[in-house]
Every structure is written in structure tokens, then in C-alpha cells.
Amino acid sequence: MAIPVVKITVCSEYQSKNGTKFIRITKLEKASMKSNETISSDEFHQRTRQNLLEPLDLAIAWFLRRKNG
């Protein structure tokens, strides 16, 4: 099963009361879509019918390494 390539736009980063950091992801774009066409993560998940949890975890980890590195 192929994993779709997505472009993730991060809107904000915030920290909960217990110290856990969260990143609010506002947009996911399929690489094969038109460059100006953006869909929500829910719609993206419905269209692809694939589990995005692992790719999102990897993308978030990459973002945090890049931001903190």
C-alpha cells in the first residue's frame, strides 16, 4: 500500500498544562493535487482511505527537529 505524499502546513504550536507540546496542523495537500487546491485532513483521509498516523508522526518529528536544530 502506497503512502501518499503530503505537504503539511503548521498553523500554531502550543503547550498543554502538563507540559506536552502539540502542533495544530491546519492543511494537508496531496502532492498530486493542483498547487492551489487544499483540503482538510478529514477530507484527505476520506479520499485516500489510508491511515495517516505514521506519516504525520514522521512529519511532525521532522518539523520539531528542524525547528529546534
PDB file of N, CA and C in Angstrom:
ATOM      1  N   MET A   1       0.841  -1.177   0.000  1.00  0.00           N
ATOM      2  CA  MET A   1       0.000   0.000   0.000  1.00  0.00           C
ATOM      3  C   MET A   1       0.892   1.247   0.000  1.00  0.00           C
ATOM      4  N   ALA A   2       0.689   2.110  -0.959  1.00  0.00           N
ATOM      5  CA  ALA A   2       1.499   3.324  -1.072  1.00  0.00           C
ATOM      6  C   ALA A   2       1.041   4.369  -0.066  1.00  0.00           C
ATOM      7  N   ILE A   3       1.992   5.097   0.470  1.00  0.00           N
ATOM      8  CA  ILE A   3       1.679   6.200   1.379  1.00  0.00           C
ATOM      9  C   ILE A   3       1.670   7.479   0.562  1.00  0.00           C
ATOM     10  N   PRO A   4       0.585   8.256   0.643  1.00  0.00           N
ATOM     11  CA  PRO A   4       0.531   9.482  -0.144  1.00  0.00           C
ATOM     12  C   PRO A   4       1.536  10.509   0.360  1.00  0.00           C
ATOM     13  N   VAL A   5       2.081  11.271  -0.573  1.00  0.00           N
ATOM     14  CA  VAL A   5       2.992  12.349  -0.205  1.00  0.00           C
ATOM     15  C   VAL A   5       2.144  13.576   0.084  1.00  0.00           C
ATOM     16  N   VAL A   6       2.376  14.194   1.230  1.00  0.00           N
ATOM     17  CA  VAL A   6       1.568  15.351   1.591  1.00  0.00           C
ATOM     18  C   VAL A   6       2.458  16.525   1.974  1.00  0.00           C
ATOM     19  N   LYS A   7       1.938  17.706   1.774  1.00  0.00           N
ATOM     20  CA  LYS A   7       2.582  18.926   2.259  1.00  0.00           C
ATOM     21  C   LYS A   7       1.780  19.367   3.477  1.00  0.00           C
ATOM     22  N   ILE A   8       2.455  19.538   4.595  1.00  0.00           N
ATOM     23  CA  ILE A   8       1.777  19.890   5.832  1.00  0.00           C
ATOM     24  C   ILE A   8       2.047  21.353   6.148  1.00  0.00           C
ATOM     25  N   THR A   9       0.986  22.098   6.408  1.00  0.00           N
ATOM     26  CA  THR A   9       1.124  23.479   6.835  1.00  0.00           C
ATOM     27  C   THR A   9       0.813  23.548   8.321  1.00  0.00           C
ATOM     28  N   VAL A  10       1.762  23.995   9.106  1.00  0.00           N
ATOM     29  CA  VAL A  10       1.582  24.077  10.554  1.00  0.00           C
ATOM     30  C   VAL A  10       1.150  25.487  10.907  1.00  0.00           C
ATOM     31  N   CYS A  11       0.037  25.582  11.608  1.00  0.00           N
ATOM     32  CA  CYS A  11      -0.512  26.884  11.960  1.00  0.00           C
ATOM     33  C   CYS A  11       0.047  27.388  13.279  1.00  0.00           C
ATOM     34  N   SER A  12       0.043  26.537  14.282  1.00  0.00           N
ATOM     35  CA  SER A  12       0.470  27.013  15.595  1.00  0.00           C
ATOM     36  C   SER A  12       1.007  25.869  16.432  1.00  0.00           C
ATOM     37  N   GLU A  13       1.790  26.234  17.409  1.00  0.00           N
ATOM     38  CA  GLU A  13       2.330  25.271  18.350  1.00  0.00           C
ATOM     39  C   GLU A  13       1.940  25.762  19.734  1.00  0.00           C
ATOM     40  N   TYR A  14       1.487  24.862  20.581  1.00  0.00           N
ATOM     41  CA  TYR A  14       1.096  25.276  21.921  1.00  0.00           C
ATOM     42  C   TYR A  14       1.441  24.178  22.909  1.00  0.00           C
ATOM     43  N   GLN A  15       1.420  24.518  24.170  1.00  0.00           N
ATOM     44  CA  GLN A  15       1.799  23.577  25.217  1.00  0.00           C
ATOM     45  C   GLN A  15       0.635  23.419  26.184  1.00  0.00           C
ATOM     46  N   SER A  16       0.335  22.165  26.538  1.00  0.00           N
ATOM     47  CA  SER A  16      -0.752  21.906  27.479  1.00  0.00           C
ATOM     48  C   SER A  16      -0.285  22.171  28.906  1.00  0.00           C
ATOM     49  N   LYS A  17      -1.223  22.113  29.833  1.00  0.00           N
ATOM     50  CA  LYS A  17      -0.898  22.387  31.241  1.00  0.00           C
ATOM     51  C   LYS A  17       0.094  21.380  31.816  1.00  0.00           C
ATOM     52  N   ASN A  18       0.072  20.144  31.301  1.00  0.00           N
ATOM     53  CA  ASN A  18       1.000  19.137  31.829  1.00  0.00           C
ATOM     54  C   ASN A  18       2.354  19.159  31.117  1.00  0.00           C
ATOM     55  N   GLY A  19       2.554  20.103  30.209  1.00  0.00           N
ATOM     56  CA  GLY A  19       3.850  20.260  29.566  1.00  0.00           C
ATOM     57  C   GLY A  19       3.984  19.595  28.208  1.00  0.00           C
ATOM     58  N   THR A  20       2.965  18.851  27.773  1.00  0.00           N
ATOM     59  CA  THR A  20       3.010  18.195  26.471  1.00  0.00           C
ATOM     60  C   THR A  20       2.856  19.235  25.368  1.00  0.00           C
ATOM     61  N   LYS A  21       3.740  19.172  24.373  1.00  0.00           N
ATOM     62  CA  LYS A  21       3.651  20.112  23.258  1.00  0.00           C
ATOM     63  C   LYS A  21       2.773  19.527  22.161  1.00  0.00           C
ATOM     64  N   PHE A  22       1.986  20.373  21.551  1.00  0.00           N
ATOM     65  CA  PHE A  22       1.130  19.982  20.444  1.00  0.00           C
ATOM     66  C   PHE A  22       1.389  20.908  19.270  1.00  0.00           C
ATOM     67  N   ILE A  23       1.188  20.384  18.080  1.00  0.00           N
ATOM     68  CA  ILE A  23       1.249  21.200  16.874  1.00  0.00           C
ATOM     69  C   ILE A  23      -0.113  21.099  16.208  1.00  0.00           C
ATOM     70  N   ARG A  24      -0.712  22.223  15.949  1.00  0.00           N
ATOM     71  CA  ARG A  24      -2.001  22.229  15.261  1.00  0.00           C
ATOM     72  C   ARG A  24      -1.732  22.264  13.763  1.00  0.00           C
ATOM     73  N   ILE A  25      -2.156  21.223  13.083  1.00  0.00           N
ATOM     74  CA  ILE A  25      -1.957  21.126  11.636  1.00  0.00           C
ATOM     75  C   ILE A  25      -3.235  21.597  10.962  1.00  0.00           C
ATOM     76  N   THR A  26      -3.119  22.587  10.117  1.00  0.00           N
ATOM     77  CA  THR A  26      -4.310  23.171   9.525  1.00  0.00           C
ATOM     78  C   THR A  26      -4.580  22.690   8.105  1.00  0.00           C
ATOM     79  N   LYS A  27      -3.539  22.297   7.390  1.00  0.00           N
ATOM     80  CA  LYS A  27      -3.761  21.908   5.997  1.00  0.00           C
ATOM     81  C   LYS A  27      -2.904  20.711   5.626  1.00  0.00           C
ATOM     82  N   LEU A  28      -3.473  19.847   4.807  1.00  0.00           N
ATOM     83  CA  LEU A  28      -2.728  18.752   4.188  1.00  0.00           C
ATOM     84  C   LEU A  28      -2.981  18.841   2.691  1.00  0.00           C
ATOM     85  N   GLU A  29      -1.937  18.788   1.916  1.00  0.00           N
ATOM     86  CA  GLU A  29      -2.097  18.834   0.465  1.00  0.00           C
ATOM     87  C   GLU A  29      -1.475  17.595  -0.153  1.00  0.00           C
ATOM     88  N   LYS A  30      -2.236  16.922  -0.997  1.00  0.00           N
ATOM     89  CA  LYS A  30      -1.670  15.801  -1.746  1.00  0.00           C
ATOM     90  C   LYS A  30      -0.720  16.359  -2.799  1.00  0.00           C
ATOM     91  N   ALA A  31       0.391  15.688  -2.987  1.00  0.00           N
ATOM     92  CA  ALA A  31       1.371  16.153  -3.965  1.00  0.00           C
ATOM     93  C   ALA A  31       0.804  16.133  -5.380  1.00  0.00           C
ATOM     94  N   SER A  32      -0.134  15.226  -5.648  1.00  0.00           N
ATOM     95  CA  SER A  32      -0.684  15.105  -6.991  1.00  0.00           C
ATOM     96  C   SER A  32      -1.814  16.100  -7.257  1.00  0.00           C
ATOM     97  N   MET A  33      -2.213  16.848  -6.234  1.00  0.00           N
ATOM     98  CA  MET A  33      -3.280  17.822  -6.412  1.00  0.00           C
ATOM     99  C   MET A  33      -2.733  19.078  -7.070  1.00  0.00           C
ATOM    100  N   LYS A  34      -3.640  19.920  -7.542  1.00  0.00           N
ATOM    101  CA  LYS A  34      -3.224  21.217  -8.064  1.00  0.00           C
ATOM    102  C   LYS A  34      -2.573  21.995  -6.931  1.00  0.00           C
ATOM    103  N   SER A  35      -1.622  22.828  -7.272  1.00  0.00           N
ATOM    104  CA  SER A  35      -0.857  23.518  -6.232  1.00  0.00           C
ATOM    105  C   SER A  35      -1.713  24.442  -5.379  1.00  0.00           C
ATOM    106  N   ASN A  36      -2.824  24.927  -5.907  1.00  0.00           N
ATOM    107  CA  ASN A  36      -3.650  25.843  -5.124  1.00  0.00           C
ATOM    108  C   ASN A  36      -4.866  25.157  -4.500  1.00  0.00           C
ATOM    109  N   GLU A  37      -4.971  23.844  -4.654  1.00  0.00           N
ATOM    110  CA  GLU A  37      -6.108  23.113  -4.093  1.00  0.00           C
ATOM    111  C   GLU A  37      -5.711  22.534  -2.740  1.00  0.00           C
ATOM    112  N   THR A  38      -6.433  22.923  -1.713  1.00  0.00           N
ATOM    113  CA  THR A  38      -6.137  22.461  -0.362  1.00  0.00           C
ATOM    114  C   THR A  38      -7.386  21.825   0.226  1.00  0.00           C
ATOM    115  N   ILE A  39      -7.203  20.714   0.924  1.00  0.00           N
ATOM    116  CA  ILE A  39      -8.337  20.051   1.566  1.00  0.00           C
ATOM    117  C   ILE A  39      -8.006  19.835   3.035  1.00  0.00           C
ATOM    118  N   SER A  40      -9.039  19.633   3.828  1.00  0.00           N
ATOM    119  CA  SER A  40      -8.830  19.391   5.254  1.00  0.00           C
ATOM    120  C   SER A  40      -8.282  17.989   5.463  1.00  0.00           C
ATOM    121  N   SER A  41      -7.708  17.764   6.642  1.00  0.00           N
ATOM    122  CA  SER A  41      -7.164  16.441   6.930  1.00  0.00           C
ATOM    123  C   SER A  41      -8.265  15.387   6.941  1.00  0.00           C
ATOM    124  N   ASP A  42      -9.470  15.752   7.418  1.00  0.00           N
ATOM    125  CA  ASP A  42     -10.585  14.800   7.420  1.00  0.00           C
ATOM    126  C   ASP A  42     -10.959  14.403   6.000  1.00  0.00           C
ATOM    127  N   GLU A  43     -11.050  15.390   5.123  1.00  0.00           N
ATOM    128  CA  GLU A  43     -11.393  15.108   3.731  1.00  0.00           C
ATOM    129  C   GLU A  43     -10.285  14.311   3.047  1.00  0.00           C
ATOM    130  N   PHE A  44      -9.043  14.659   3.351  1.00  0.00           N
ATOM    131  CA  PHE A  44      -7.911  13.927   2.789  1.00  0.00           C
ATOM    132  C   PHE A  44      -7.980  12.462   3.197  1.00  0.00           C
ATOM    133  N   HIS A  45      -8.263  12.226   4.480  1.00  0.00           N
ATOM    134  CA  HIS A  45      -8.354  10.857   4.979  1.00  0.00           C
ATOM    135  C   HIS A  45      -9.498  10.108   4.301  1.00  0.00           C
ATOM    136  N   GLN A  46     -10.622  10.778   4.105  1.00  0.00           N
ATOM    137  CA  GLN A  46     -11.758  10.144   3.435  1.00  0.00           C
ATOM    138  C   GLN A  46     -11.417   9.798   1.992  1.00  0.00           C
ATOM    139  N   ARG A  47     -10.723  10.695   1.315  1.00  0.00           N
ATOM    140  CA  ARG A  47     -10.382  10.447  -0.090  1.00  0.00           C
ATOM    141  C   ARG A  47      -9.395   9.295  -0.245  1.00  0.00           C
ATOM    142  N   THR A  48      -8.403   9.238   0.610  1.00  0.00           N
ATOM    143  CA  THR A  48      -7.361   8.232   0.434  1.00  0.00           C
ATOM    144  C   THR A  48      -7.675   6.912   1.112  1.00  0.00           C
ATOM    145  N   ARG A  49      -8.523   6.952   2.154  1.00  0.00           N
ATOM    146  CA  ARG A  49      -8.877   5.737   2.911  1.00  0.00           C
ATOM    147  C   ARG A  49      -7.637   5.049   3.456  1.00  0.00           C
ATOM    148  N   GLN A  50      -6.624   5.834   3.823  1.00  0.00           N
ATOM    149  CA  GLN A  50      -5.396   5.259   4.357  1.00  0.00           C
ATOM    150  C   GLN A  50      -5.113   5.847   5.722  1.00  0.00           C
ATOM    151  N   ASN A  51      -4.382   5.117   6.499  1.00  0.00           N
ATOM    152  CA  ASN A  51      -4.024   5.579   7.831  1.00  0.00           C
ATOM    153  C   ASN A  51      -2.878   6.578   7.718  1.00  0.00           C
ATOM    154  N   LEU A  52      -3.138   7.827   8.118  1.00  0.00           N
ATOM    155  CA  LEU A  52      -2.127   8.878   8.004  1.00  0.00           C
ATOM    156  C   LEU A  52      -1.330   9.062   9.283  1.00  0.00           C
ATOM    157  N   LEU A  53      -1.603   8.260  10.298  1.00  0.00           N
ATOM    158  CA  LEU A  53      -0.980   8.486  11.599  1.00  0.00           C
ATOM    159  C   LEU A  53       0.542   8.420  11.527  1.00  0.00           C
ATOM    160  N   GLU A  54       1.080   7.376  10.913  1.00  0.00           N
ATOM    161  CA  GLU A  54       2.537   7.233  10.852  1.00  0.00           C
ATOM    162  C   GLU A  54       3.192   8.349  10.033  1.00  0.00           C
ATOM    163  N   PRO A  55       2.692   8.656   8.811  1.00  0.00           N
ATOM    164  CA  PRO A  55       3.310   9.749   8.061  1.00  0.00           C
ATOM    165  C   PRO A  55       3.238  11.084   8.800  1.00  0.00           C
ATOM    166  N   LEU A  56       2.128  11.327   9.509  1.00  0.00           N
ATOM    167  CA  LEU A  56       2.012  12.580  10.251  1.00  0.00           C
ATOM    168  C   LEU A  56       2.989  12.622  11.410  1.00  0.00           C
ATOM    169  N   ASP A  57       3.135  11.506  12.120  1.00  0.00           N
ATOM    170  CA  ASP A  57       4.105  11.446  13.214  1.00  0.00           C
ATOM    171  C   ASP A  57       5.512  11.738  12.698  1.00  0.00           C
ATOM    172  N   LEU A  58       5.859  11.154  11.558  1.00  0.00           N
ATOM    173  CA  LEU A  58       7.183  11.375  10.982  1.00  0.00           C
ATOM    174  C   LEU A  58       7.366  12.830  10.570  1.00  0.00           C
ATOM    175  N   ALA A  59       6.330  13.414   9.987  1.00  0.00           N
ATOM    176  CA  ALA A  59       6.410  14.804   9.546  1.00  0.00           C
ATOM    177  C   ALA A  59       6.527  15.753  10.732  1.00  0.00           C
ATOM    178  N   ILE A  60       5.787  15.481  11.796  1.00  0.00           N
ATOM    179  CA  ILE A  60       5.857  16.328  12.989  1.00  0.00           C
ATOM    180  C   ILE A  60       7.232  16.216  13.635  1.00  0.00           C
ATOM    181  N   ALA A  61       7.757  15.001  13.711  1.00  0.00           N
ATOM    182  CA  ALA A  61       9.092  14.806  14.282  1.00  0.00           C
ATOM    183  C   ALA A  61      10.131  15.565  13.456  1.00  0.00           C
ATOM    184  N   TRP A  62      10.012  15.518  12.133  1.00  0.00           N
ATOM    185  CA  TRP A  62      10.933  16.246  11.259  1.00  0.00           C
ATOM    186  C   TRP A  62      10.825  17.747  11.506  1.00  0.00           C
ATOM    187  N   PHE A  63       9.598  18.241  11.621  1.00  0.00           N
ATOM    188  CA  PHE A  63       9.384  19.669  11.853  1.00  0.00           C
ATOM    189  C   PHE A  63      10.028  20.116  13.165  1.00  0.00           C
ATOM    190  N   LEU A  64       9.845  19.334  14.222  1.00  0.00           N
ATOM    191  CA  LEU A  64      10.408  19.695  15.523  1.00  0.00           C
ATOM    192  C   LEU A  64      11.933  19.660  15.502  1.00  0.00           C
ATOM    193  N   ARG A  65      12.509  18.652  14.822  1.00  0.00           N
ATOM    194  CA  ARG A  65      13.971  18.582  14.715  1.00  0.00           C
ATOM    195  C   ARG A  65      14.507  19.799  13.961  1.00  0.00           C
ATOM    196  N   ARG A  66      13.824  20.161  12.887  1.00  0.00           N
ATOM    197  CA  ARG A  66      14.260  21.299  12.069  1.00  0.00           C
ATOM    198  C   ARG A  66      14.132  22.607  12.857  1.00  0.00           C
ATOM    199  N   LYS A  67      13.039  22.744  13.581  1.00  0.00           N
ATOM    200  CA  LYS A  67      12.798  23.972  14.341  1.00  0.00           C
ATOM    201  C   LYS A  67      13.789  24.112  15.496  1.00  0.00           C
ATOM    202  N   ASN A  68      14.068  23.009  16.169  1.00  0.00           N
ATOM    203  CA  ASN A  68      14.941  23.047  17.340  1.00  0.00           C
ATOM    204  C   ASN A  68      16.416  22.852  16.993  1.00  0.00           C
ATOM    205  N   GLY A  69      16.690  22.433  15.753  1.00  0.00           N
ATOM    206  CA  GLY A  69      18.061  22.131  15.372  1.00  0.00           C
ATOM    207  C   GLY A  69      18.763  23.328  14.863  1.00  0.00           C
TER     208      GLY A  69
END
